[in-house]
Amino acid sequence: MDSQTVTKIAFLSRLKVADDKIESTKEEFTGILRWVDQLKEVNTDGVEPLVSVNQNNIIMRKDEVTDGNKSAEILANAPMKEYGYFAVPKVVE
């Protein structure tokens, strides 16, 4: 990998790399590419791809209203209420 490639990758990745850090960034990028090559060596035949790291099945429930029409009970503890809604003091002039 050359300095021009490092500059291009940094630009595409939206990374700000100072001119005096290009050499060290080149070494880091090379190390990352070596690690990716090492991952390619892992045998993944017969391994099912994961949708998530958690293999729990989400149990879907029927979407139904279980309670409601309790606005009077909800507003009972409100310090101020008006027309069936919470009322708050005006804060903007």
Protein backbone atom coordinates (compact mmCIF):
# COMPACT_ATOMS: atom_id res chain seq x y z
CA MET A 1 0.00 0.00 0.00
CA ASP A 2 1.37 3.40 -0.94
CA SER A 3 0.80 6.87 0.48
CA GLN A 4 -1.57 7.82 -2.32
CA THR A 5 -3.82 4.83 -1.50
CA VAL A 6 -3.79 5.73 2.20
CA THR A 7 -4.81 9.31 1.35
CA LYS A 8 -7.60 8.07 -0.91
CA ILE A 9 -8.94 5.58 1.68
CA ALA A 10 -8.78 8.26 4.37
CA PHE A 11 -10.72 10.66 2.14
CA LEU A 12 -13.37 8.07 1.29
CA SER A 13 -13.66 7.11 4.96
CA ARG A 14 -13.91 10.74 6.03
CA LEU A 15 -10.80 10.34 8.16
CA LYS A 16 -8.50 13.29 8.72
CA VAL A 17 -4.92 12.04 8.47
CA ALA A 18 -2.11 14.55 8.90
CA ASP A 19 0.75 14.35 6.43
CA ASP A 20 3.18 13.28 9.16
CA LYS A 21 0.86 10.39 10.15
CA ILE A 22 0.50 8.81 6.70
CA GLU A 23 3.26 6.25 7.27
CA SER A 24 1.83 5.06 10.59
CA THR A 25 -1.67 4.97 9.07
CA LYS A 26 -0.30 2.91 6.20
CA GLU A 27 0.99 0.36 8.72
CA GLU A 28 -2.38 0.31 10.51
CA PHE A 29 -4.28 -0.20 7.23
CA THR A 30 -1.89 -2.99 6.25
CA GLY A 31 -2.46 -4.67 9.62
CA ILE A 32 -6.22 -4.44 9.14
CA LEU A 33 -5.97 -6.00 5.69
CA ARG A 34 -3.80 -8.82 7.08
CA TRP A 35 -6.42 -9.46 9.76
CA VAL A 36 -9.19 -9.57 7.12
CA ASP A 37 -7.12 -12.08 5.10
CA GLN A 38 -6.72 -14.16 8.25
CA LEU A 39 -10.51 -14.15 8.73
CA LYS A 40 -10.94 -15.41 5.16
CA GLU A 41 -9.04 -18.56 6.15
CA VAL A 42 -11.73 -19.60 8.67
CA ASN A 43 -13.82 -22.51 7.40
CA THR A 44 -17.46 -21.42 7.52
CA ASP A 45 -18.93 -24.28 5.47
CA GLY A 46 -22.21 -25.44 6.97
CA VAL A 47 -22.52 -22.45 9.28
CA GLU A 48 -25.89 -20.75 9.01
CA PRO A 49 -25.72 -16.96 8.74
CA LEU A 50 -27.07 -15.09 11.76
CA VAL A 51 -29.72 -12.44 11.58
CA SER A 52 -28.77 -11.42 15.10
CA VAL A 53 -26.31 -12.60 17.71
CA ASN A 54 -29.31 -13.40 19.89
CA GLN A 55 -31.07 -16.47 18.53
CA ASN A 56 -34.21 -15.89 20.60
CA ASN A 57 -37.41 -16.02 18.64
CA ILE A 58 -39.60 -13.02 19.19
CA ILE A 59 -43.06 -14.10 20.19
CA MET A 60 -45.57 -11.88 18.48
CA ARG A 61 -48.74 -11.04 20.35
CA LYS A 62 -52.03 -9.95 18.94
CA ASP A 63 -52.20 -6.17 18.76
CA GLU A 64 -55.27 -5.24 20.73
CA VAL A 65 -56.25 -2.45 23.09
CA THR A 66 -56.23 -3.79 26.63
CA ASP A 67 -57.31 -0.68 28.47
CA GLY A 68 -58.19 2.84 27.63
CA ASN A 69 -60.85 5.44 28.12
CA LYS A 70 -59.23 6.32 31.43
CA SER A 71 -58.51 9.97 30.79
CA ALA A 72 -60.40 11.04 33.92
CA GLU A 73 -58.32 8.66 36.07
CA ILE A 74 -55.09 9.77 34.41
CA LEU A 75 -55.87 13.47 34.81
CA ALA A 76 -57.01 13.02 38.42
CA ASN A 77 -53.46 13.59 39.71
CA ALA A 78 -52.59 16.43 37.33
CA PRO A 79 -52.00 19.74 39.10
CA MET A 80 -53.59 21.60 36.18
CA LYS A 81 -55.92 20.31 33.50
CA GLU A 82 -58.04 21.94 30.86
CA TYR A 83 -60.49 20.51 28.30
CA GLY A 84 -59.41 16.95 29.12
CA TYR A 85 -55.68 17.64 28.64
CA PHE A 86 -52.71 18.37 30.89
CA ALA A 87 -52.21 22.12 31.26
CA VAL A 88 -48.81 23.70 31.83
CA PRO A 89 -47.82 27.29 32.58
CA LYS A 90 -46.79 29.41 29.63
CA VAL A 91 -42.99 29.59 29.43
CA VAL A 92 -42.48 31.51 26.17
CA GLU A 93 -43.56 35.12 25.78
